């Protein structure tokens, strides 16, 4: 039996287990199993590996995409560059770190918005934000992070004025704000400044249309949720595990 799984905490919202279980059934993939491993600390990872010697691959989600880095024996060039990993291949007990978030996000972004704006705001600064940053760099899109505290590289939410929103026409939410069951939450930006020239992308996929996306759509913005990104990153992970 080949085992695969997902580490993170909490994992009540896991897309991956359902996706891979259905994939195995649909494609007749036998002797394969996908489980969730909700661990309260990344320090429990070695125990998961020791107790499951059949593990061939792991996905990594919030809050461990960055915290898992010291446990990797080998890192892909993307992981080395962005210091965030969401896919691990297990080879003879050694952990190879990859980032398929970047692959999924780039393909999904370009399919949704063929004419990408030249300036972007990235809401949030976690592991998913790093994959988004990498993709924007690759596509020569200027960007600024938005977080609770301002820095040389980021605005605080208070600094995101209507004038800023009018200048940055691609806005990407990488925070869990608005994710089920907290569907009445949304990043605090001046939505009244949005227009039909804006593109809003939310890495959250549940609900299908977050409050962030609803508010954008009401102002005529083009919108996209994170479901396709998740499917694409899952398929990229499967390819890596089986290569």
C-alpha atoms as a PDB file:
ATOM      1  CA  UNK A   1       0.000   0.000   0.000  1.00  0.00           C
ATOM      2  CA  UNK A   2       1.343   3.403  -1.012  1.00  0.00           C
ATOM      3  CA  UNK A   3       0.294   6.083   1.440  1.00  0.00           C
ATOM      4  CA  UNK A   4      -0.027   9.807   0.865  1.00  0.00           C
ATOM      5  CA  UNK A   5      -1.379  12.505   3.123  1.00  0.00           C
ATOM      6  CA  UNK A   6      -1.743  16.048   4.334  1.00  0.00           C
ATOM      7  CA  UNK A   7      -0.191  17.735   7.365  1.00  0.00           C
ATOM      8  CA  UNK A   8      -1.561  20.960   8.839  1.00  0.00           C
ATOM      9  CA  UNK A   9      -3.685  22.209  11.722  1.00  0.00           C
ATOM     10  CA  UNK A  10      -6.630  22.258  11.919  1.00  0.00           C
ATOM     11  CA  UNK A  11      -7.691  20.092   8.985  1.00  0.00           C
ATOM     12  CA  UNK A  12     -11.474  20.245   9.110  1.00  0.00           C
ATOM     13  CA  UNK A  13     -11.466  22.104   5.774  1.00  0.00           C
ATOM     14  CA  UNK A  14      -9.316  19.578   3.882  1.00  0.00           C
ATOM     15  CA  UNK A  15      -9.910  19.450   0.130  1.00  0.00           C
ATOM     16  CA  UNK A  16      -7.055  17.018  -0.513  1.00  0.00           C
ATOM     17  CA  UNK A  17      -8.362  13.833   1.130  1.00  0.00           C
ATOM     18  CA  UNK A  18     -11.671  13.982  -0.760  1.00  0.00           C
ATOM     19  CA  UNK A  19      -9.928  14.886  -4.018  1.00  0.00           C
ATOM     20  CA  UNK A  20      -7.354  12.080  -3.917  1.00  0.00           C
ATOM     21  CA  UNK A  21      -9.761   9.423  -2.606  1.00  0.00           C
ATOM     22  CA  UNK A  22     -12.111  10.189  -5.513  1.00  0.00           C
ATOM     23  CA  UNK A  23      -9.169  10.280  -7.947  1.00  0.00           C
ATOM     24  CA  UNK A  24      -7.985   6.811  -6.846  1.00  0.00           C
ATOM     25  CA  UNK A  25     -11.494   5.381  -7.303  1.00  0.00           C
ATOM     26  CA  UNK A  26     -12.189   7.131 -10.619  1.00  0.00           C
ATOM     27  CA  UNK A  27      -8.828   6.245 -12.206  1.00  0.00           C
ATOM     28  CA  UNK A  28      -8.660   2.704 -10.793  1.00  0.00           C
ATOM     29  CA  UNK A  29      -5.495   3.457  -8.808  1.00  0.00           C
ATOM     30  CA  UNK A  30      -5.179   0.497  -6.434  1.00  0.00           C
ATOM     31  CA  UNK A  31      -3.057   0.070  -3.323  1.00  0.00           C
ATOM     32  CA  UNK A  32      -3.077   3.824  -2.701  1.00  0.00           C
ATOM     33  CA  UNK A  33      -4.496   5.695   0.269  1.00  0.00           C
ATOM     34  CA  UNK A  34      -4.645   9.383   1.261  1.00  0.00           C
ATOM     35  CA  UNK A  35      -5.042  10.422   4.910  1.00  0.00           C
ATOM     36  CA  UNK A  36      -5.015  13.620   6.930  1.00  0.00           C
ATOM     37  CA  UNK A  37      -2.537  14.171   9.759  1.00  0.00           C
ATOM     38  CA  UNK A  38      -3.701  17.116  11.889  1.00  0.00           C
ATOM     39  CA  UNK A  39      -0.618  17.851  14.008  1.00  0.00           C
ATOM     40  CA  UNK A  40      -0.595  20.601  16.627  1.00  0.00           C
ATOM     41  CA  UNK A  41       3.155  21.116  16.193  1.00  0.00           C
ATOM     42  CA  UNK A  42       5.537  20.579  13.261  1.00  0.00           C
ATOM     43  CA  UNK A  43       7.771  18.735  15.748  1.00  0.00           C
ATOM     44  CA  UNK A  44       5.329  15.804  15.450  1.00  0.00           C
ATOM     45  CA  UNK A  45       6.263  15.279  11.772  1.00  0.00           C
ATOM     46  CA  UNK A  46       9.083  12.746  12.453  1.00  0.00           C
ATOM     47  CA  UNK A  47       6.638  10.625  14.484  1.00  0.00           C
ATOM     48  CA  UNK A  48       4.120  10.645  11.597  1.00  0.00           C
ATOM     49  CA  UNK A  49       6.866   9.417   9.253  1.00  0.00           C
ATOM     50  CA  UNK A  50       8.100   6.776  11.715  1.00  0.00           C
ATOM     51  CA  UNK A  51       4.587   5.432  12.291  1.00  0.00           C
ATOM     52  CA  UNK A  52       3.746   5.357   8.576  1.00  0.00           C
ATOM     53  CA  UNK A  53       6.717   3.834   6.719  1.00  0.00           C
ATOM     54  CA  UNK A  54       4.556   3.396   3.582  1.00  0.00           C
ATOM     55  CA  UNK A  55       4.259   7.197   3.171  1.00  0.00           C
ATOM     56  CA  UNK A  56       5.454   8.257  -0.286  1.00  0.00           C
ATOM     57  CA  UNK A  57       4.242  11.850  -0.298  1.00  0.00           C
ATOM     58  CA  UNK A  58       2.746  14.608   1.799  1.00  0.00           C
ATOM     59  CA  UNK A  59       0.970  17.851   1.100  1.00  0.00           C
ATOM     60  CA  UNK A  60       1.585  20.679   3.565  1.00  0.00           C
ATOM     61  CA  UNK A  61      -0.972  23.328   4.493  1.00  0.00           C
ATOM     62  CA  UNK A  62      -1.497  26.112   7.076  1.00  0.00           C
ATOM     63  CA  UNK A  63       0.445  26.749   9.288  1.00  0.00           C
ATOM     64  CA  UNK A  64       3.438  24.585   8.257  1.00  0.00           C
ATOM     65  CA  UNK A  65       4.459  25.640   4.720  1.00  0.00           C
ATOM     66  CA  UNK A  66       7.398  27.597   6.135  1.00  0.00           C
ATOM     67  CA  UNK A  67       7.922  25.734   9.415  1.00  0.00           C
ATOM     68  CA  UNK A  68       8.521  22.446   7.557  1.00  0.00           C
ATOM     69  CA  UNK A  69      11.631  23.798   5.775  1.00  0.00           C
ATOM     70  CA  UNK A  70      14.205  22.687   8.438  1.00  0.00           C
ATOM     71  CA  UNK A  71      12.936  19.082   8.125  1.00  0.00           C
ATOM     72  CA  UNK A  72      13.673  18.850   4.390  1.00  0.00           C
ATOM     73  CA  UNK A  73      16.764  16.988   3.163  1.00  0.00           C
ATOM     74  CA  UNK A  74      16.470  18.414  -0.347  1.00  0.00           C
ATOM     75  CA  UNK A  75      14.696  21.516  -1.729  1.00  0.00           C
ATOM     76  CA  UNK A  76      13.518  22.317  -5.237  1.00  0.00           C
ATOM     77  CA  UNK A  77      14.823  25.592  -6.738  1.00  0.00           C
ATOM     78  CA  UNK A  78      11.421  27.228  -6.082  1.00  0.00           C
ATOM     79  CA  UNK A  79      11.422  26.152  -2.414  1.00  0.00           C
ATOM     80  CA  UNK A  80      14.989  27.445  -2.067  1.00  0.00           C
ATOM     81  CA  UNK A  81      13.921  30.794  -3.511  1.00  0.00           C
ATOM     82  CA  UNK A  82      10.647  31.351  -1.631  1.00  0.00           C
ATOM     83  CA  UNK A  83      11.239  29.338   1.550  1.00  0.00           C
ATOM     84  CA  UNK A  84       7.769  27.760   1.462  1.00  0.00           C
ATOM     85  CA  UNK A  85       6.926  24.112   0.754  1.00  0.00           C
ATOM     86  CA  UNK A  86       3.509  22.526   0.202  1.00  0.00           C
ATOM     87  CA  UNK A  87       4.555  19.182  -1.294  1.00  0.00           C
ATOM     88  CA  UNK A  88       6.988  16.593   0.059  1.00  0.00           C
ATOM     89  CA  UNK A  89       8.232  13.494  -1.737  1.00  0.00           C
ATOM     90  CA  UNK A  90       9.523  10.803   0.615  1.00  0.00           C
ATOM     91  CA  UNK A  91      12.462   8.856  -0.841  1.00  0.00           C
ATOM     92  CA  UNK A  92      14.171   6.249   1.388  1.00  0.00           C
ATOM     93  CA  UNK A  93      13.155   8.187   4.489  1.00  0.00           C
ATOM     94  CA  UNK A  94      14.526  11.443   3.103  1.00  0.00           C
ATOM     95  CA  UNK A  95      12.227  14.434   2.470  1.00  0.00           C
ATOM     96  CA  UNK A  96      12.321  16.316  -0.838  1.00  0.00           C
ATOM     97  CA  UNK A  97      10.503  19.674  -0.693  1.00  0.00           C
ATOM     98  CA  UNK A  98       8.579  21.116  -3.641  1.00  0.00           C
ATOM     99  CA  UNK A  99       6.116  23.951  -4.174  1.00  0.00           C
ATOM    100  CA  UNK A 100       3.125  23.124  -6.374  1.00  0.00           C
ATOM    101  CA  UNK A 101       1.130  26.143  -5.108  1.00  0.00           C
ATOM    102  CA  UNK A 102       3.138  28.295  -7.511  1.00  0.00           C
ATOM    103  CA  UNK A 103       2.372  25.942 -10.437  1.00  0.00           C
ATOM    104  CA  UNK A 104      -1.352  25.862  -9.636  1.00  0.00           C
ATOM    105  CA  UNK A 105      -1.650  29.576  -8.969  1.00  0.00           C
ATOM    106  CA  UNK A 106       0.130  30.667 -12.148  1.00  0.00           C
ATOM    107  CA  UNK A 107      -1.910  28.441 -14.481  1.00  0.00           C
ATOM    108  CA  UNK A 108      -5.187  29.365 -12.766  1.00  0.00           C
ATOM    109  CA  UNK A 109      -4.398  33.119 -12.687  1.00  0.00           C
ATOM    110  CA  UNK A 110      -3.548  33.290 -16.382  1.00  0.00           C
ATOM    111  CA  UNK A 111      -6.620  31.282 -17.394  1.00  0.00           C
ATOM    112  CA  UNK A 112      -8.900  33.562 -15.338  1.00  0.00           C
ATOM    113  CA  UNK A 113      -7.373  36.906 -16.324  1.00  0.00           C
ATOM    114  CA  UNK A 114      -5.714  36.761 -19.772  1.00  0.00           C
ATOM    115  CA  UNK A 115      -4.927  40.510 -19.634  1.00  0.00           C
ATOM    116  CA  UNK A 116      -3.178  40.749 -16.285  1.00  0.00           C
ATOM    117  CA  UNK A 117      -2.892  44.170 -14.636  1.00  0.00           C
ATOM    118  CA  UNK A 118       0.657  45.461 -14.164  1.00  0.00           C
ATOM    119  CA  UNK A 119       0.387  46.093 -10.389  1.00  0.00           C
ATOM    120  CA  UNK A 120      -0.879  43.816  -7.627  1.00  0.00           C
ATOM    121  CA  UNK A 121      -1.650  43.761  -3.920  1.00  0.00           C
ATOM    122  CA  UNK A 122      -1.005  40.518  -2.041  1.00  0.00           C
ATOM    123  CA  UNK A 123      -3.202  40.342   1.069  1.00  0.00           C
ATOM    124  CA  UNK A 124      -1.338  38.289   3.691  1.00  0.00           C
ATOM    125  CA  UNK A 125       2.298  37.237   4.118  1.00  0.00           C
ATOM    126  CA  UNK A 126       2.183  33.469   4.834  1.00  0.00           C
ATOM    127  CA  UNK A 127       3.288  30.445   2.791  1.00  0.00           C
ATOM    128  CA  UNK A 128       0.650  30.887   0.073  1.00  0.00           C
ATOM    129  CA  UNK A 129       1.629  34.568  -0.270  1.00  0.00           C
ATOM    130  CA  UNK A 130       5.207  33.515  -1.015  1.00  0.00           C
ATOM    131  CA  UNK A 131       4.078  31.299  -3.903  1.00  0.00           C
ATOM    132  CA  UNK A 132       1.962  34.185  -5.227  1.00  0.00           C
ATOM    133  CA  UNK A 133       4.922  36.572  -4.917  1.00  0.00           C
ATOM    134  CA  UNK A 134       7.127  34.169  -6.899  1.00  0.00           C
ATOM    135  CA  UNK A 135       4.573  33.941  -9.728  1.00  0.00           C
ATOM    136  CA  UNK A 136       4.171  37.737  -9.894  1.00  0.00           C
ATOM    137  CA  UNK A 137       7.967  38.122 -10.051  1.00  0.00           C
ATOM    138  CA  UNK A 138       8.152  35.581 -12.887  1.00  0.00           C
ATOM    139  CA  UNK A 139       5.505  37.534 -14.794  1.00  0.00           C
ATOM    140  CA  UNK A 140       7.106  40.938 -14.087  1.00  0.00           C
ATOM    141  CA  UNK A 141       4.075  42.255 -12.209  1.00  0.00           C
ATOM    142  CA  UNK A 142       4.869  44.922  -9.593  1.00  0.00           C
ATOM    143  CA  UNK A 143       3.392  44.089  -6.188  1.00  0.00           C
ATOM    144  CA  UNK A 144       3.066  45.139  -2.568  1.00  0.00           C
ATOM    145  CA  UNK A 145       2.128  42.975   0.393  1.00  0.00           C
ATOM    146  CA  UNK A 146      -0.639  44.075   2.739  1.00  0.00           C
ATOM    147  CA  UNK A 147      -0.368  42.959   6.363  1.00  0.00           C
ATOM    148  CA  UNK A 148      -1.301  44.130   9.838  1.00  0.00           C
ATOM    149  CA  UNK A 149       1.922  46.111  10.213  1.00  0.00           C
ATOM    150  CA  UNK A 150       3.560  48.267   7.525  1.00  0.00           C
ATOM    151  CA  UNK A 151       7.148  47.688   6.372  1.00  0.00           C
ATOM    152  CA  UNK A 152       9.408  48.601   3.461  1.00  0.00           C
ATOM    153  CA  UNK A 153       7.723  45.820   1.446  1.00  0.00           C
ATOM    154  CA  UNK A 154       4.163  46.126   2.680  1.00  0.00           C
ATOM    155  CA  UNK A 155       1.236  48.398   3.376  1.00  0.00           C
ATOM    156  CA  UNK A 156      -0.774  48.046   6.549  1.00  0.00           C
ATOM    157  CA  UNK A 157      -4.506  47.639   5.910  1.00  0.00           C
ATOM    158  CA  UNK A 158      -4.959  51.223   7.145  1.00  0.00           C
ATOM    159  CA  UNK A 159      -2.618  52.423   4.381  1.00  0.00           C
ATOM    160  CA  UNK A 160      -4.683  50.836   1.621  1.00  0.00           C
ATOM    161  CA  UNK A 161      -6.642  53.915   0.618  1.00  0.00           C
ATOM    162  CA  UNK A 162      -9.075  54.206  -2.314  1.00  0.00           C
ATOM    163  CA  UNK A 163      -6.201  55.801  -4.291  1.00  0.00           C
ATOM    164  CA  UNK A 164      -4.004  52.723  -3.647  1.00  0.00           C
ATOM    165  CA  UNK A 165      -6.790  50.361  -4.748  1.00  0.00           C
ATOM    166  CA  UNK A 166      -7.267  52.368  -7.949  1.00  0.00           C
ATOM    167  CA  UNK A 167      -3.537  52.003  -8.705  1.00  0.00           C
ATOM    168  CA  UNK A 168      -3.225  48.267  -7.945  1.00  0.00           C
ATOM    169  CA  UNK A 169      -5.781  46.537 -10.142  1.00  0.00           C
ATOM    170  CA  UNK A 170      -4.957  42.910  -9.302  1.00  0.00           C
ATOM    171  CA  UNK A 171      -5.779  42.006  -5.680  1.00  0.00           C
ATOM    172  CA  UNK A 172      -5.002  38.533  -4.345  1.00  0.00           C
ATOM    173  CA  UNK A 173      -6.279  37.323  -0.972  1.00  0.00           C
ATOM    174  CA  UNK A 174      -3.929  34.698   0.525  1.00  0.00           C
ATOM    175  CA  UNK A 175      -5.403  34.931   4.046  1.00  0.00           C
ATOM    176  CA  UNK A 176      -8.028  32.492   5.416  1.00  0.00           C
ATOM    177  CA  UNK A 177     -10.471  35.407   5.922  1.00  0.00           C
ATOM    178  CA  UNK A 178     -13.905  34.450   4.621  1.00  0.00           C
ATOM    179  CA  UNK A 179     -13.221  30.702   4.655  1.00  0.00           C
ATOM    180  CA  UNK A 180     -16.120  28.505   5.803  1.00  0.00           C
ATOM    181  CA  UNK A 181     -17.523  28.687   8.482  1.00  0.00           C
ATOM    182  CA  UNK A 182     -16.396  32.346   8.879  1.00  0.00           C
ATOM    183  CA  UNK A 183     -18.181  33.444   5.718  1.00  0.00           C
ATOM    184  CA  UNK A 184     -19.071  36.957   6.936  1.00  0.00           C
ATOM    185  CA  UNK A 185     -15.393  37.987   7.154  1.00  0.00           C
ATOM    186  CA  UNK A 186     -13.416  39.778   4.444  1.00  0.00           C
ATOM    187  CA  UNK A 187     -10.097  41.657   4.274  1.00  0.00           C
ATOM    188  CA  UNK A 188     -10.545  45.298   5.275  1.00  0.00           C
ATOM    189  CA  UNK A 189      -9.912  47.220   2.057  1.00  0.00           C
ATOM    190  CA  UNK A 190     -11.927  50.081   0.503  1.00  0.00           C
ATOM    191  CA  UNK A 191     -14.125  48.000  -1.820  1.00  0.00           C
ATOM    192  CA  UNK A 192     -15.904  51.144  -3.039  1.00  0.00           C
ATOM    193  CA  UNK A 193     -12.753  51.966  -5.052  1.00  0.00           C
ATOM    194  CA  UNK A 194     -13.010  48.773  -7.124  1.00  0.00           C
ATOM    195  CA  UNK A 195     -14.113  48.926 -10.752  1.00  0.00           C
ATOM    196  CA  UNK A 196     -14.548  46.770 -13.850  1.00  0.00           C
ATOM    197  CA  UNK A 197     -10.802  47.241 -14.438  1.00  0.00           C
ATOM    198  CA  UNK A 198      -9.984  45.180 -11.324  1.00  0.00           C
ATOM    199  CA  UNK A 199      -9.229  41.465 -11.012  1.00  0.00           C
ATOM    200  CA  UNK A 200      -9.797  39.791  -7.618  1.00  0.00           C
ATOM    201  CA  UNK A 201      -8.342  36.363  -6.851  1.00  0.00           C
ATOM    202  CA  UNK A 202      -9.032  34.480  -3.602  1.00  0.00           C
ATOM    203  CA  UNK A 203      -7.007  31.385  -2.714  1.00  0.00           C
ATOM    204  CA  UNK A 204      -9.970  30.358  -0.517  1.00  0.00           C
ATOM    205  CA  UNK A 205     -12.331  27.957  -2.347  1.00  0.00           C
ATOM    206  CA  UNK A 206     -14.992  27.299   0.324  1.00  0.00           C
ATOM    207  CA  UNK A 207     -17.418  29.043  -0.002  1.00  0.00           C
ATOM    208  CA  UNK A 208     -17.274  29.212  -3.786  1.00  0.00           C
ATOM    209  CA  UNK A 209     -17.763  32.985  -3.620  1.00  0.00           C
ATOM    210  CA  UNK A 210     -16.245  34.579  -0.514  1.00  0.00           C
ATOM    211  CA  UNK A 211     -17.415  37.957   0.743  1.00  0.00           C
ATOM    212  CA  UNK A 212     -14.169  39.397  -0.712  1.00  0.00           C
ATOM    213  CA  UNK A 213     -15.151  38.118  -4.183  1.00  0.00           C
ATOM    214  CA  UNK A 214     -18.816  39.100  -3.767  1.00  0.00           C
ATOM    215  CA  UNK A 215     -17.839  42.688  -2.939  1.00  0.00           C
ATOM    216  CA  UNK A 216     -15.567  42.784  -6.000  1.00  0.00           C
ATOM    217  CA  UNK A 217     -18.217  41.347  -8.302  1.00  0.00           C
ATOM    218  CA  UNK A 218     -20.726  43.958  -7.099  1.00  0.00           C
ATOM    219  CA  UNK A 219     -18.312  46.636  -8.364  1.00  0.00           C
ATOM    220  CA  UNK A 220     -17.843  44.942 -11.746  1.00  0.00           C
ATOM    221  CA  UNK A 221     -14.451  43.329 -11.015  1.00  0.00           C
ATOM    222  CA  UNK A 222     -13.455  40.015 -12.622  1.00  0.00           C
ATOM    223  CA  UNK A 223     -13.231  37.336  -9.897  1.00  0.00           C
ATOM    224  CA  UNK A 224     -11.692  33.883  -9.378  1.00  0.00           C
ATOM    225  CA  UNK A 225     -11.605  31.528  -6.389  1.00  0.00           C
ATOM    226  CA  UNK A 226      -8.879  29.050  -5.417  1.00  0.00           C
ATOM    227  CA  UNK A 227     -10.521  25.758  -6.431  1.00  0.00           C
ATOM    228  CA  UNK A 228      -8.760  25.403  -9.787  1.00  0.00           C
ATOM    229  CA  UNK A 229      -5.445  26.305  -8.135  1.00  0.00           C
ATOM    230  CA  UNK A 230      -6.006  23.489  -5.623  1.00  0.00           C
ATOM    231  CA  UNK A 231      -6.820  20.945  -8.330  1.00  0.00           C
ATOM    232  CA  UNK A 232      -3.762  21.959 -10.374  1.00  0.00           C
ATOM    233  CA  UNK A 233      -1.416  21.865  -7.355  1.00  0.00           C
ATOM    234  CA  UNK A 234      -2.831  18.434  -6.339  1.00  0.00           C
ATOM    235  CA  UNK A 235      -2.179  17.037  -9.824  1.00  0.00           C
ATOM    236  CA  UNK A 236       1.318  18.555  -9.822  1.00  0.00           C
ATOM    237  CA  UNK A 237       1.953  16.886  -6.436  1.00  0.00           C
ATOM    238  CA  UNK A 238       0.774  13.523  -7.782  1.00  0.00           C
ATOM    239  CA  UNK A 239       3.155  13.881 -10.736  1.00  0.00           C
ATOM    240  CA  UNK A 240       6.088  14.640  -8.403  1.00  0.00           C
ATOM    241  CA  UNK A 241       5.295  11.704  -6.078  1.00  0.00           C
ATOM    242  CA  UNK A 242       5.194   9.306  -9.018  1.00  0.00           C
ATOM    243  CA  UNK A 243       8.165  10.645 -10.995  1.00  0.00           C
END
